[in-house]
Amino acid sequence: MDHLSQRIDVPVVKDEENEIPVPSIWRPVFRNIVSAFAKGDYSLESGVDCVLAIAPDTANQIEEYIHDYGENLIELPEESWDTSVCIWMGERWDVLVDLWTEGEGRSDLVLSAKVSESKSGFIFEVYMVYVP
């Protein structure tokens, strides 16, 4: 399939008025987070560069939500970038990444995260996985 997100490099933009596609430079980090979740590593014990540690309570909630949803998460396909978005909130970006499952393909689940700038790049904080 020829997806728009594969053809263009999506820049990091500070736009408080509009949701924009997830910047290309962030996508590998989100792929690694979802890959860990798909393997049952909800606290990111295996470590993902630039991602803050996930609190045990948050990791337990993420695991419960995914388990209660009743489907197995899979790695993010390229199509997930066609519908995943972020918006600048003045000091950080709020990001929603659409998640995919074995049985459904694109699911109703989203990964909610916050991304902040730092002197060394970007810092990612997983907020929650849920059905909006």
Protein backbone atom coordinates (compact mmCIF):
# COMPACT_ATOMS: atom_id res chain seq x y z
CA MET A 1 0.00 0.00 0.00
CA ASP A 2 1.15 3.51 -0.72
CA HIS A 3 0.59 5.51 2.43
CA LEU A 4 1.05 9.24 2.68
CA SER A 5 3.05 8.80 5.88
CA GLN A 6 5.60 6.68 3.99
CA ARG A 7 6.14 9.25 1.27
CA ILE A 8 6.85 12.36 3.29
CA ASP A 9 9.00 13.23 6.26
CA VAL A 10 6.65 14.64 8.90
CA PRO A 11 8.40 17.47 10.79
CA VAL A 12 8.04 18.40 14.45
CA VAL A 13 5.63 21.37 14.55
CA LYS A 14 4.36 23.49 17.44
CA ASP A 15 0.75 24.10 16.41
CA GLU A 16 -1.68 24.73 19.28
CA GLU A 17 -4.67 24.96 16.93
CA ASN A 18 -4.47 21.74 14.92
CA GLU A 19 -3.74 18.09 15.42
CA ILE A 20 -0.91 17.01 13.14
CA PRO A 21 0.53 13.62 12.19
CA VAL A 22 3.07 12.11 14.57
CA PRO A 23 6.50 13.39 13.49
CA SER A 24 8.66 10.87 11.64
CA ILE A 25 11.53 11.25 14.12
CA TRP A 26 9.29 10.04 17.01
CA ARG A 27 7.87 6.98 15.27
CA PRO A 28 10.68 4.51 16.10
CA VAL A 29 10.27 5.31 19.81
CA PHE A 30 6.53 4.65 19.68
CA ARG A 31 7.17 1.45 17.70
CA ASN A 32 9.54 0.28 20.46
CA ILE A 33 7.03 1.13 23.21
CA VAL A 34 4.22 -0.78 21.47
CA SER A 35 6.57 -3.67 20.68
CA ALA A 36 7.36 -3.98 24.40
CA PHE A 37 3.65 -3.85 25.29
CA ALA A 38 2.89 -6.52 22.67
CA LYS A 39 5.44 -8.75 24.43
CA GLY A 40 3.85 -8.11 27.83
CA ASP A 41 6.50 -5.62 29.02
CA TYR A 42 4.11 -2.93 30.29
CA SER A 43 6.66 -1.23 32.54
CA LEU A 44 9.28 -1.13 29.75
CA GLU A 45 11.70 -3.21 31.83
CA SER A 46 13.66 -3.87 28.63
CA GLY A 47 14.21 -0.12 28.31
CA VAL A 48 13.35 2.22 25.47
CA ASP A 49 15.71 5.14 24.82
CA CYS A 50 14.31 8.58 25.71
CA VAL A 51 11.24 7.13 27.47
CA LEU A 52 10.66 7.88 31.13
CA ALA A 53 10.11 4.93 33.45
CA ILE A 54 6.48 3.85 33.71
CA ALA A 55 5.19 3.83 37.28
CA PRO A 56 4.07 0.39 38.52
CA ASP A 57 0.45 1.60 38.97
CA THR A 58 0.36 2.91 35.39
CA ALA A 59 1.93 -0.28 34.02
CA ASN A 60 -0.68 -2.35 35.88
CA GLN A 61 -3.51 -0.19 34.49
CA ILE A 62 -2.16 -0.52 30.95
CA GLU A 63 -1.93 -4.29 31.34
CA GLU A 64 -5.50 -4.48 32.73
CA TYR A 65 -6.96 -2.29 29.96
CA ILE A 66 -5.29 -4.35 27.24
CA HIS A 67 -6.28 -7.64 28.91
CA ASP A 68 -9.89 -6.47 29.41
CA TYR A 69 -10.04 -5.35 25.77
CA GLY A 70 -9.69 -9.02 24.88
CA GLU A 71 -7.34 -8.79 21.90
CA ASN A 72 -3.58 -9.28 21.48
CA LEU A 73 -1.61 -6.17 20.58
CA ILE A 74 0.66 -6.40 17.56
CA GLU A 75 3.59 -4.31 16.33
CA LEU A 76 2.60 -0.98 14.79
CA PRO A 77 2.10 -1.26 11.04
CA GLU A 78 2.94 1.69 8.81
CA GLU A 79 -0.80 2.41 8.48
CA SER A 80 -0.99 3.46 12.13
CA TRP A 81 0.71 6.74 11.20
CA ASP A 82 -2.16 7.61 8.85
CA THR A 83 -4.47 8.17 11.83
CA SER A 84 -2.19 8.82 14.84
CA VAL A 85 -1.91 12.48 15.86
CA CYS A 86 -0.28 14.97 18.19
CA ILE A 87 -0.94 18.54 19.27
CA TRP A 88 1.31 21.15 20.87
CA MET A 89 0.06 22.10 24.35
CA GLY A 90 2.37 25.06 24.97
CA GLU A 91 5.07 23.16 26.87
CA ARG A 92 4.75 19.66 25.41
CA TRP A 93 2.95 17.62 22.79
CA ASP A 94 0.06 15.29 23.60
CA VAL A 95 0.19 12.25 21.33
CA LEU A 96 -2.42 9.59 20.47
CA VAL A 97 -1.12 6.52 18.65
CA ASP A 98 -3.72 4.13 17.26
CA LEU A 99 -2.99 0.56 18.33
CA TRP A 100 -3.50 -2.61 16.30
CA THR A 101 -4.50 -6.11 17.35
CA GLU A 102 -4.26 -9.57 15.84
CA GLY A 103 -8.01 -9.97 15.48
CA GLU A 104 -9.10 -6.50 14.45
CA GLY A 105 -6.24 -4.77 12.73
CA ARG A 106 -6.75 -1.16 13.78
CA SER A 107 -8.40 -1.31 17.18
CA ASP A 108 -10.26 1.18 19.35
CA LEU A 109 -7.27 1.28 21.73
CA VAL A 110 -4.89 4.22 21.72
CA LEU A 111 -1.55 4.86 23.37
CA SER A 112 -1.62 8.29 25.00
CA ALA A 113 1.76 9.90 25.61
CA LYS A 114 3.42 13.23 26.24
CA VAL A 115 6.55 14.39 24.44
CA SER A 116 8.75 17.20 25.76
CA GLU A 117 11.84 18.87 24.42
CA SER A 118 15.16 18.55 26.22
CA LYS A 119 18.69 19.72 25.46
CA SER A 120 19.53 16.25 24.17
CA GLY A 121 16.39 15.73 22.06
CA PHE A 122 12.93 14.59 23.09
CA ILE A 123 11.63 12.94 26.25
CA PHE A 124 8.67 10.55 25.97
CA GLU A 125 6.25 9.82 28.79
CA VAL A 126 3.64 7.10 28.43
CA TYR A 127 0.40 8.32 29.95
CA MET A 128 -2.05 5.47 29.34
CA VAL A 129 -3.52 2.93 26.94
CA TYR A 130 -7.30 3.17 26.70
CA VAL A 131 -10.38 3.38 24.48
CA PRO A 132 -11.23 7.08 24.04
